[in-house]
Protein backbone atom coordinates (compact mmCIF):
# COMPACT_ATOMS: atom_id res chain seq x y z
CA MET A 1 54.71 -83.20 110.93
CA HIS A 2 55.66 -86.53 111.41
CA PRO A 3 53.01 -89.14 112.19
CA LEU A 4 54.83 -92.53 113.90
CA ASN A 5 57.92 -93.60 111.67
CA LYS A 6 58.78 -89.31 111.97
CA LYS A 7 59.98 -89.34 108.24
CA PRO A 8 60.20 -85.85 107.21
CA PHE A 9 57.59 -84.59 104.51
CA ALA A 10 58.28 -82.80 101.47
CA ALA A 11 57.76 -79.55 102.19
CA ALA A 12 60.92 -77.13 103.74
CA PHE A 13 59.82 -76.86 107.00
CA LEU A 14 57.09 -78.64 109.17
CA LEU A 15 54.85 -77.87 112.40
CA ILE A 16 55.48 -77.50 116.08
CA LEU A 17 52.70 -78.12 118.31
CA PHE A 18 54.18 -77.62 121.33
CA ALA A 19 54.31 -74.22 123.38
CA VAL A 20 52.40 -72.95 126.55
CA VAL A 21 49.53 -70.79 126.95
CA LEU A 22 50.31 -67.04 127.66
CA ALA A 23 48.82 -65.75 131.32
CA GLY A 24 46.66 -68.59 132.43
CA PRO A 25 43.41 -68.67 130.83
CA SER A 26 42.02 -72.66 130.96
CA LEU A 27 41.71 -74.46 127.65
CA ALA A 28 40.15 -72.80 125.24
CA GLN A 29 37.54 -74.53 123.20
CA ALA A 30 34.93 -72.59 120.86
CA SER A 31 31.64 -74.30 120.21
CA THR A 32 30.15 -76.32 117.50
CA ARG A 33 28.90 -74.90 114.78
CA SER A 34 27.96 -74.77 111.21
CA ALA A 35 30.95 -74.22 108.40
CA GLY A 36 31.50 -70.38 107.35
CA GLN A 37 30.02 -69.19 111.02
CA SER A 38 31.84 -66.56 113.02
CA ALA A 39 32.31 -67.21 116.12
CA ALA A 40 31.15 -64.55 118.57
CA PRO A 41 33.30 -61.71 120.44
CA PRO A 42 33.47 -60.76 124.07
CA ALA A 43 30.29 -60.90 125.34
CA SER A 44 29.34 -57.23 126.60
CA ALA A 45 29.59 -53.89 124.18
CA ALA A 46 32.22 -52.57 126.91
CA ALA A 47 34.61 -55.34 127.25
CA HIS A 48 34.45 -55.82 123.06
CA GLU A 49 35.37 -51.72 123.22
CA ALA A 50 38.44 -52.42 125.78
CA LEU A 51 39.25 -55.21 123.45
CA MET A 52 39.95 -53.61 120.54
CA LYS A 53 41.19 -50.30 121.84
CA GLN A 54 44.21 -52.68 123.36
CA ALA A 55 44.13 -55.04 120.19
CA LYS A 56 44.76 -51.37 118.18
CA SER A 57 47.70 -50.46 120.85
CA TRP A 58 49.57 -53.38 120.07
CA VAL A 59 48.76 -53.18 116.43
CA LYS A 60 50.14 -49.55 116.49
CA ALA A 61 53.33 -50.51 118.60
CA LEU A 62 53.50 -53.30 116.16
CA SER A 63 53.66 -51.32 112.79
CA GLU A 64 56.11 -49.14 113.76
CA GLN A 65 58.61 -51.72 112.54
CA GLU A 66 59.18 -52.08 108.64
CA ALA A 67 57.73 -56.01 109.11
CA PHE A 68 54.83 -54.78 110.26
CA GLN A 69 53.71 -51.55 108.16
CA GLY A 70 51.12 -53.14 106.30
CA TRP A 71 49.27 -53.30 109.77
CA LYS A 72 49.08 -49.77 110.09
CA ASN A 73 45.67 -48.96 108.10
CA ALA A 74 44.28 -52.81 109.26
CA LYS A 75 40.60 -53.84 110.26
CA LEU A 76 40.55 -55.58 113.16
CA GLN A 77 38.08 -58.72 113.59
CA ILE A 78 37.46 -60.16 116.77
CA GLN A 79 36.19 -63.75 117.44
CA ALA A 80 36.31 -65.98 120.66
CA LEU A 81 38.57 -68.67 121.33
CA GLY A 82 36.48 -70.46 123.84
CA PRO A 83 33.92 -69.98 126.20
CA GLY A 84 33.54 -67.94 128.73
CA THR A 85 35.28 -64.96 126.50
CA HIS A 86 38.93 -66.26 127.84
CA GLY A 87 40.50 -65.72 124.83
CA TRP A 88 40.05 -64.24 121.58
CA LEU A 89 41.25 -63.96 118.08
CA ILE A 90 41.91 -61.09 116.27
CA THR A 91 42.25 -61.28 112.53
CA LEU A 92 43.73 -58.30 110.68
CA HIS A 93 42.54 -57.50 106.99
CA ASP A 94 44.06 -55.14 104.07
CA SER A 95 41.68 -52.63 102.46
CA LYS A 96 40.88 -55.74 100.22
CA LYS A 97 39.37 -57.72 103.02
CA GLN A 98 42.17 -60.26 102.69
CA PRO A 99 43.96 -61.44 105.53
CA ILE A 100 47.13 -59.87 106.64
CA GLY A 101 47.95 -61.26 110.39
CA TYR A 102 46.46 -62.04 113.47
CA LEU A 103 46.90 -61.87 117.84
CA VAL A 104 45.91 -63.88 120.17
CA ALA A 105 44.58 -62.05 123.25
CA TYR A 106 43.89 -63.11 127.33
CA ALA A 107 41.76 -61.81 129.69
CA GLY A 108 44.40 -60.41 132.52
CA ASP A 109 43.99 -59.18 136.15
CA LYS A 110 41.56 -56.00 136.59
CA GLN A 111 39.85 -56.15 133.20
CA THR A 112 42.98 -55.95 131.39
CA TYR A 113 43.86 -57.84 128.33
CA GLN A 114 47.77 -59.86 127.56
CA LEU A 115 49.19 -60.38 124.52
CA GLY A 116 49.81 -64.58 123.48
CA GLU A 117 50.97 -64.78 120.33
CA TYR A 118 50.86 -63.10 116.97
CA GLY A 119 51.97 -63.54 113.28
CA LEU A 120 52.29 -62.10 109.60
CA GLY A 121 50.86 -63.55 106.63
CA SER A 122 48.19 -64.49 104.39
CA GLN A 123 47.16 -67.48 106.68
CA PRO A 124 46.43 -66.24 110.05
CA LEU A 125 45.23 -68.54 112.67
CA PHE A 126 41.60 -70.52 112.57
CA ASP A 127 41.56 -69.61 108.85
CA GLU A 128 38.34 -70.81 107.48
CA ALA A 129 39.76 -70.56 103.85
CA THR A 130 43.04 -72.89 104.80
CA LEU A 131 40.94 -75.37 106.52
CA LYS A 132 38.16 -75.68 103.44
CA ARG A 133 41.61 -76.08 100.92
CA SER A 134 42.72 -78.72 103.32
CA LEU A 135 39.42 -80.68 103.44
CA LEU A 136 39.42 -80.21 99.74
CA ASP A 137 42.75 -81.90 99.09
CA ASN A 138 42.40 -84.94 101.47
CA GLY A 139 39.19 -85.45 99.72
CA LEU A 140 36.96 -85.23 102.87
CA ILE A 141 34.87 -82.44 100.88
CA GLY A 142 33.66 -82.26 97.39
CA SER A 143 34.42 -78.41 96.41
CA MET A 144 35.18 -75.48 98.05
CA THR A 145 31.61 -74.78 98.12
CA ASP A 146 30.52 -77.48 100.19
CA SER A 147 29.57 -76.52 103.56
CA SER A 148 28.02 -79.88 104.78
CA TYR A 149 30.60 -80.35 107.95
CA ARG A 150 30.65 -78.81 111.07
CA THR A 151 33.94 -77.49 113.17
CA VAL A 152 34.67 -76.99 116.60
CA LYS A 153 37.68 -74.83 117.02
CA HIS A 154 40.17 -76.31 120.03
CA TYR A 155 43.02 -73.76 121.79
CA ALA A 156 45.00 -75.04 124.70
CA HIS A 157 48.32 -72.74 123.72
CA PRO A 158 50.34 -71.40 120.57
CA PHE A 159 50.74 -75.30 119.07
CA ALA A 160 48.00 -77.03 120.23
CA ALA A 161 45.79 -75.15 118.31
CA VAL A 162 43.29 -77.32 116.02
CA TRP A 163 39.80 -77.64 114.55
CA GLU A 164 38.14 -80.84 115.01
CA VAL A 165 35.80 -81.64 112.40
CA THR A 166 32.78 -83.70 111.56
CA ILE A 167 32.00 -85.06 108.53
CA ASP A 168 28.76 -87.66 108.68
CA LYS A 169 29.96 -89.74 111.35
CA MET A 170 33.84 -89.10 110.95
CA THR A 171 35.79 -86.84 113.05
CA TYR A 172 39.20 -85.38 111.47
CA TRP A 173 41.88 -82.92 113.38
CA LEU A 174 43.48 -80.30 111.84
CA ASP A 175 46.34 -78.15 112.58
CA ALA A 176 44.81 -74.33 113.02
CA LYS A 177 47.48 -72.58 111.41
CA SER A 178 48.58 -75.03 108.25
CA GLY A 179 45.40 -77.01 108.00
CA GLU A 180 47.57 -80.31 107.84
CA LEU A 181 45.70 -83.62 109.25
CA LEU A 182 46.74 -84.49 112.39
CA PRO A 183 46.89 -88.18 113.62
CA LEU A 184 44.84 -87.02 116.63
CA ASP A 185 41.68 -88.65 118.44
CA GLN A 186 39.53 -87.28 121.03
CA THR A 187 41.60 -89.57 123.79
CA ALA A 188 44.60 -87.86 122.85
CA TRP A 189 43.06 -84.53 122.60
CA SER A 190 41.64 -84.90 126.19
CA LEU A 191 44.59 -86.29 127.66
CA LEU A 192 46.39 -82.84 127.03
CA GLU A 193 43.21 -81.01 128.69
CA GLN A 194 43.71 -83.13 131.62
CA ASP A 195 47.35 -81.66 131.89
CA SER A 196 45.83 -78.46 131.17
CA SER A 197 47.45 -77.25 135.49
CA ALA A 198 51.05 -77.36 133.70
CA MET A 199 49.99 -74.88 131.31
CA ARG A 200 48.10 -72.78 133.90
CA SER A 201 51.02 -72.37 136.02
CA LEU A 202 52.65 -69.95 133.81
CA SER A 203 54.13 -66.71 135.46
CA ARG A 204 52.26 -63.52 134.79
CA THR A 205 55.62 -61.75 135.44
CA SER A 206 56.10 -58.46 133.83
CA ASN A 207 58.59 -60.13 131.37
CA ASN A 208 55.37 -61.65 129.67
CA GLN A 209 53.90 -58.72 129.06
CA ALA A 210 53.77 -57.04 125.72
CA SER A 211 54.37 -53.51 127.17
CA GLY A 212 55.81 -50.61 126.11
CA ASP A 213 56.93 -50.70 122.19
CA ALA A 214 58.28 -53.02 119.59
CA LYS A 215 61.80 -51.98 120.25
CA ARG A 216 64.09 -54.27 118.28
CA ILE A 217 63.22 -56.94 115.02
CA ILE A 218 65.76 -59.47 113.38
CA LEU A 219 64.56 -61.51 110.78
CA ASN A 220 66.50 -64.08 108.97
CA ALA A 221 66.01 -66.11 105.37
CA ALA A 222 63.83 -68.74 106.01
CA PHE A 223 65.64 -72.51 105.66
CA ASP A 224 64.82 -76.42 105.89
CA PRO A 225 65.17 -77.39 109.10
CA TYR A 226 65.86 -81.14 107.88
CA GLU A 227 68.86 -79.70 106.17
CA ARG A 228 70.26 -81.27 109.60
CA LEU A 229 68.87 -83.30 112.06
CA PRO A 230 70.58 -82.57 115.51
CA TRP A 231 67.92 -84.37 117.85
CA LEU A 232 68.42 -87.73 116.06
CA LEU A 233 72.24 -87.05 116.30
CA LYS A 234 72.00 -86.75 120.35
CA GLU A 235 73.42 -82.94 120.22
CA GLN A 236 73.34 -80.78 123.25
CA PRO A 237 70.22 -78.61 122.61
CA PHE A 238 70.91 -74.71 122.55
CA ASP A 239 70.42 -73.00 125.65
CA ALA A 240 67.11 -70.57 124.94
CA SER A 241 66.98 -69.56 128.10
CA ASP A 242 70.07 -67.64 127.72
CA GLU A 243 68.28 -64.36 126.00
CA SER A 244 71.38 -62.29 125.13
CA ALA A 245 73.05 -65.77 123.85
CA PHE A 246 69.51 -66.02 121.92
CA SER A 247 69.11 -62.82 120.36
CA ASP A 248 73.03 -62.84 119.65
CA ARG A 249 72.97 -66.01 118.03
CA LEU A 250 70.16 -64.80 115.25
CA ALA A 251 71.33 -61.63 114.90
CA SER A 252 74.63 -63.09 113.51
CA LYS A 253 72.31 -64.87 110.66
CA GLN A 254 72.96 -68.37 112.74
CA GLN A 255 70.45 -71.10 112.50
CA LEU A 256 68.32 -72.08 115.06
CA ARG A 257 65.62 -74.85 115.21
CA TYR A 258 62.70 -75.74 117.53
CA VAL A 259 61.45 -79.14 118.22
CA SER A 260 58.60 -80.84 119.65
CA GLU A 261 56.93 -83.92 120.33
CA PRO A 262 53.82 -82.58 122.11
CA PHE A 263 51.29 -86.05 122.06
CA GLY A 264 54.49 -88.35 122.35
CA ASP A 265 55.12 -90.55 119.24
CA LYS A 266 52.34 -89.95 117.29
CA MET A 267 53.89 -86.92 115.86
CA LEU A 268 57.34 -84.51 115.66
CA TYR A 269 57.09 -80.87 115.11
CA ALA A 270 60.45 -79.25 113.91
CA LEU A 271 60.65 -75.33 112.70
CA PRO A 272 63.67 -72.90 111.46
CA VAL A 273 63.63 -70.09 114.27
CA VAL A 274 64.14 -66.97 111.74
CA GLY A 275 64.32 -64.24 114.49
CA TYR A 276 62.89 -62.35 116.97
CA LEU A 277 61.15 -59.29 118.31
CA GLN A 278 61.99 -57.66 121.50
CA TRP A 279 59.67 -55.22 123.25
CA SER A 280 60.99 -52.48 125.58
CA GLY A 281 59.61 -53.69 128.15
CA GLY A 282 62.10 -56.80 128.20
CA ARG A 283 59.96 -59.56 126.49
CA ILE A 284 61.16 -61.41 123.73
CA ASP A 285 59.16 -63.32 120.93
CA ALA A 286 60.95 -65.86 118.50
CA ALA A 287 60.04 -66.04 115.14
CA LEU A 288 58.94 -69.40 113.69
CA ASP A 289 58.62 -70.05 109.59
CA MET A 290 55.13 -71.17 109.63
CA ASN A 291 52.75 -70.61 106.93
CA GLY A 292 54.01 -66.87 107.45
CA THR A 293 56.11 -65.53 110.62
CA ARG A 294 54.72 -66.80 113.39
CA PHE A 295 56.15 -64.60 117.01
CA ILE A 296 55.93 -66.76 120.33
CA PRO A 297 56.92 -65.49 123.74
CA LEU A 298 60.68 -67.37 123.91
CA THR A 299 59.52 -68.12 127.34
CA GLN A 300 56.78 -70.30 126.70
CA LEU A 301 58.87 -72.28 123.83
CA VAL A 302 61.40 -72.64 126.38
CA GLN A 303 59.68 -74.39 128.81
CA LEU A 304 58.18 -76.48 126.59
CA GLY A 305 60.34 -77.53 123.78
CA LEU A 306 63.41 -78.06 122.51
CA PHE A 307 66.00 -75.69 120.68
CA TYR A 308 69.12 -77.04 118.45
CA LYS A 309 71.65 -75.71 116.45
């Protein structure tokens, strides 16, 4: 992340904060709550059971791939991403109750559910331990046991996922995946909310559904996206809408970067694209290296970001 002057961080990679919301739920926002208090699952027992059944189906399909084998016996925890139960975060834990991944689900048509993004690793989306460590590292709280703050979850789409944290009378914004402090304020976030019509315009085509089995997965080594700066050199973006060209490039272990400026000049995010997963139903999810491996539908990334070699 690069506030204003866009100088690279020391870290090997940075976050992108741009993509599109899957399958049309409106901008989601969790209600304000005290630190450490869990958000609510679906409103009714029947809805909770149906969502859990669907989530287990996705987990089963993914766990057939070697990269996801740790999910086979995972315990699933469901939290609401916003009011009206339009979206949910499903966090997976191992036998030691440690997080090992996550899924985001959306309400579909006729009491069905659609899979949004999902990811591998010990730092899932909206991880409270990651948030608390960041608050401590930035001198905003005094210890890891300090809970004298309040949080609001905001989830507009996979990379506009942020914590709004209030400490005394000050408000801070942190990325929901990395815990990085963001140069945002309520005005900037409200502008994104006003633009929600563009996010709702995503088609609900079958290609956007995670249907069938996880057919193929390619995962390459991570790299520093700032080894080259093609977006500054005015190089031609890579056309990732050509799914064959996209998959062929990654299958041959060639580098690909994803770059976005979701809030204009306030920040620039760049991430290495390290692979993809293809479902038997046709959907391709790009794998991005971001505090773990994060899988996001390629169609979403193409619409609201740029790829570079």
